[in-house]
Amino acid sequence: MTIRFLDPPLHEFLPQEDEDIEALSKEMGISFDELKQ
């Protein structure tokens, strides 16, 4: 098993605001709630 401590956390690359999450969910073709999980 490899643990990479130097990689930034994934949450830094994902949108934080609900409207940004909704826009991304539409682009990806999945529901807002599914993406928010």
C-alpha atoms as a PDB file:
ATOM      1  CA  MET A   1       0.000   0.000   0.000  1.00  0.00           C
ATOM      2  CA  THR A   2       1.282   3.439  -0.910  1.00  0.00           C
ATOM      3  CA  ILE A   3       0.288   6.600   0.932  1.00  0.00           C
ATOM      4  CA  ARG A   4       1.199   9.838  -0.763  1.00  0.00           C
ATOM      5  CA  PHE A   5       1.336  12.684   1.731  1.00  0.00           C
ATOM      6  CA  LEU A   6       2.471  15.324  -0.754  1.00  0.00           C
ATOM      7  CA  ASP A   7      -0.676  15.166  -2.915  1.00  0.00           C
ATOM      8  CA  PRO A   8      -3.127  17.953  -2.090  1.00  0.00           C
ATOM      9  CA  PRO A   9      -6.488  16.817  -0.690  1.00  0.00           C
ATOM     10  CA  LEU A  10      -9.176  16.218  -3.322  1.00  0.00           C
ATOM     11  CA  HIS A  11     -11.594  18.692  -1.708  1.00  0.00           C
ATOM     12  CA  GLU A  12      -9.279  21.540  -2.728  1.00  0.00           C
ATOM     13  CA  PHE A  13     -10.106  20.855  -6.384  1.00  0.00           C
ATOM     14  CA  LEU A  14     -13.871  20.413  -6.028  1.00  0.00           C
ATOM     15  CA  PRO A  15     -16.335  23.314  -5.981  1.00  0.00           C
ATOM     16  CA  GLN A  16     -17.567  24.388  -2.545  1.00  0.00           C
ATOM     17  CA  GLU A  17     -20.582  26.573  -3.410  1.00  0.00           C
ATOM     18  CA  ASP A  18     -23.919  24.891  -4.159  1.00  0.00           C
ATOM     19  CA  GLU A  19     -24.362  26.740  -7.460  1.00  0.00           C
ATOM     20  CA  ASP A  20     -20.921  25.594  -8.658  1.00  0.00           C
ATOM     21  CA  ILE A  21     -21.681  22.025  -7.589  1.00  0.00           C
ATOM     22  CA  GLU A  22     -24.999  22.176  -9.462  1.00  0.00           C
ATOM     23  CA  ALA A  23     -23.286  23.419 -12.637  1.00  0.00           C
ATOM     24  CA  LEU A  24     -20.710  20.633 -12.414  1.00  0.00           C
ATOM     25  CA  SER A  25     -23.418  18.013 -11.849  1.00  0.00           C
ATOM     26  CA  LYS A  26     -25.214  19.161 -15.022  1.00  0.00           C
ATOM     27  CA  GLU A  27     -21.969  18.932 -17.017  1.00  0.00           C
ATOM     28  CA  MET A  28     -21.299  15.435 -15.672  1.00  0.00           C
ATOM     29  CA  GLY A  29     -24.896  14.271 -16.171  1.00  0.00           C
ATOM     30  CA  ILE A  30     -25.467  13.236 -12.547  1.00  0.00           C
ATOM     31  CA  SER A  31     -27.766  14.598  -9.864  1.00  0.00           C
ATOM     32  CA  PHE A  32     -26.755  17.377  -7.507  1.00  0.00           C
ATOM     33  CA  ASP A  33     -27.250  15.132  -4.461  1.00  0.00           C
ATOM     34  CA  GLU A  34     -25.145  12.361  -5.967  1.00  0.00           C
ATOM     35  CA  LEU A  35     -22.260  14.737  -6.628  1.00  0.00           C
ATOM     36  CA  LYS A  36     -22.573  16.392  -3.219  1.00  0.00           C
ATOM     37  CA  GLN A  37     -21.911  13.051  -1.501  1.00  0.00           C
END
